[in-house]
Amino acid sequence: MIWYVDPKAGSDNSNGQSLEKAFKTLSHAINQAKAGDEILLVPGAYDQDLPKLVSAARTAKVSVGVVGGH
């Protein structure tokens, strides 16, 4: 499963499964994700400790990337 996070246009009330329905926070995406899932972040300003959250996601075997990144 791929989860999307957009700090500007997202909402944690969305389902997070497309850019148009992205979550607002990485922490919410991590809570939804399971091992083997991927979280894609839309570039922007995040009001969270991204390095800590990305580390927590990777510990849970969830990959984190940037939308459009390779």
C-alpha atoms as a PDB file:
ATOM      1  CA  MET A   1       0.000   0.000   0.000  1.00  0.00           C
ATOM      2  CA  ILE A   2       1.197   3.508  -0.758  1.00  0.00           C
ATOM      3  CA  TRP A   3       0.205   6.309   1.601  1.00  0.00           C
ATOM      4  CA  TYR A   4       0.487  10.007   0.712  1.00  0.00           C
ATOM      5  CA  VAL A   5       1.168  12.937   3.045  1.00  0.00           C
ATOM      6  CA  ASP A   6       0.702  16.582   2.069  1.00  0.00           C
ATOM      7  CA  PRO A   7       1.266  19.062   4.926  1.00  0.00           C
ATOM      8  CA  LYS A   8      -0.466  21.883   3.065  1.00  0.00           C
ATOM      9  CA  ALA A   9      -3.490  20.373   1.293  1.00  0.00           C
ATOM     10  CA  GLY A  10      -3.847  17.079   3.179  1.00  0.00           C
ATOM     11  CA  SER A  11      -6.240  16.064   5.935  1.00  0.00           C
ATOM     12  CA  ASP A  12      -5.893  13.305   8.511  1.00  0.00           C
ATOM     13  CA  ASN A  13      -9.613  12.693   7.920  1.00  0.00           C
ATOM     14  CA  SER A  14      -8.836  11.598   4.339  1.00  0.00           C
ATOM     15  CA  ASN A  15      -7.936   8.024   3.401  1.00  0.00           C
ATOM     16  CA  GLY A  16      -4.329   8.865   2.415  1.00  0.00           C
ATOM     17  CA  GLN A  17      -4.398   6.592  -0.619  1.00  0.00           C
ATOM     18  CA  SER A  18      -3.902   9.229  -3.337  1.00  0.00           C
ATOM     19  CA  LEU A  19      -2.397  12.684  -3.735  1.00  0.00           C
ATOM     20  CA  GLU A  20      -5.912  14.128  -3.793  1.00  0.00           C
ATOM     21  CA  LYS A  21      -6.781  12.386  -0.507  1.00  0.00           C
ATOM     22  CA  ALA A  22      -3.420  12.713   1.246  1.00  0.00           C
ATOM     23  CA  PHE A  23      -2.997  12.777   5.011  1.00  0.00           C
ATOM     24  CA  LYS A  24      -1.777  16.000   6.601  1.00  0.00           C
ATOM     25  CA  THR A  25       0.701  14.457   9.055  1.00  0.00           C
ATOM     26  CA  LEU A  26       3.394  11.833   8.750  1.00  0.00           C
ATOM     27  CA  SER A  27       2.553  10.500  12.211  1.00  0.00           C
ATOM     28  CA  HIS A  28      -0.995   9.684  11.062  1.00  0.00           C
ATOM     29  CA  ALA A  29       0.343   7.900   7.972  1.00  0.00           C
ATOM     30  CA  ILE A  30       2.728   5.844  10.116  1.00  0.00           C
ATOM     31  CA  ASN A  31      -0.187   4.804  12.342  1.00  0.00           C
ATOM     32  CA  GLN A  32      -2.070   3.527   9.274  1.00  0.00           C
ATOM     33  CA  ALA A  33       0.870   1.855   7.519  1.00  0.00           C
ATOM     34  CA  LYS A  34       1.937  -1.755   7.906  1.00  0.00           C
ATOM     35  CA  ALA A  35       5.287  -3.423   7.259  1.00  0.00           C
ATOM     36  CA  GLY A  36       6.063  -3.362   3.554  1.00  0.00           C
ATOM     37  CA  ASP A  37       4.004  -0.221   2.880  1.00  0.00           C
ATOM     38  CA  GLU A  38       5.432   3.005   1.481  1.00  0.00           C
ATOM     39  CA  ILE A  39       4.747   6.571   2.565  1.00  0.00           C
ATOM     40  CA  LEU A  40       5.321   9.331   0.009  1.00  0.00           C
ATOM     41  CA  LEU A  41       5.764  12.879   1.271  1.00  0.00           C
ATOM     42  CA  VAL A  42       4.774  15.936  -0.746  1.00  0.00           C
ATOM     43  CA  PRO A  43       7.563  18.528  -0.362  1.00  0.00           C
ATOM     44  CA  GLY A  44       6.593  21.232   2.101  1.00  0.00           C
ATOM     45  CA  ALA A  45       6.883  22.491   5.656  1.00  0.00           C
ATOM     46  CA  TYR A  46       6.090  19.830   8.244  1.00  0.00           C
ATOM     47  CA  ASP A  47       5.238  20.763  11.846  1.00  0.00           C
ATOM     48  CA  GLN A  48       6.771  17.523  13.090  1.00  0.00           C
ATOM     49  CA  ASP A  49      10.171  16.022  13.870  1.00  0.00           C
ATOM     50  CA  LEU A  50      10.651  14.395  10.458  1.00  0.00           C
ATOM     51  CA  PRO A  51      13.954  12.606  11.154  1.00  0.00           C
ATOM     52  CA  LYS A  52      12.475  10.962  14.266  1.00  0.00           C
ATOM     53  CA  LEU A  53       9.270   9.950  12.470  1.00  0.00           C
ATOM     54  CA  VAL A  54      11.079   8.657   9.384  1.00  0.00           C
ATOM     55  CA  SER A  55      13.314   6.585  11.659  1.00  0.00           C
ATOM     56  CA  ALA A  56      10.238   5.176  13.440  1.00  0.00           C
ATOM     57  CA  ALA A  57       8.649   4.294  10.096  1.00  0.00           C
ATOM     58  CA  ARG A  58      11.767   2.526   8.881  1.00  0.00           C
ATOM     59  CA  THR A  59      12.007   0.606  12.159  1.00  0.00           C
ATOM     60  CA  ALA A  60       8.463  -0.600  11.431  1.00  0.00           C
ATOM     61  CA  LYS A  61       9.675  -1.677   7.949  1.00  0.00           C
ATOM     62  CA  VAL A  62       7.731   1.109   6.216  1.00  0.00           C
ATOM     63  CA  SER A  63       9.670   2.946   3.502  1.00  0.00           C
ATOM     64  CA  VAL A  64       9.463   6.731   3.256  1.00  0.00           C
ATOM     65  CA  GLY A  65      10.130   8.723   0.116  1.00  0.00           C
ATOM     66  CA  VAL A  66       9.286  11.964  -1.613  1.00  0.00           C
ATOM     67  CA  VAL A  67       6.575  12.308  -4.247  1.00  0.00           C
ATOM     68  CA  GLY A  68       8.352  12.432  -7.599  1.00  0.00           C
ATOM     69  CA  GLY A  69      11.637  11.265  -6.074  1.00  0.00           C
ATOM     70  CA  HIS A  70      13.580   8.317  -7.483  1.00  0.00           C
END
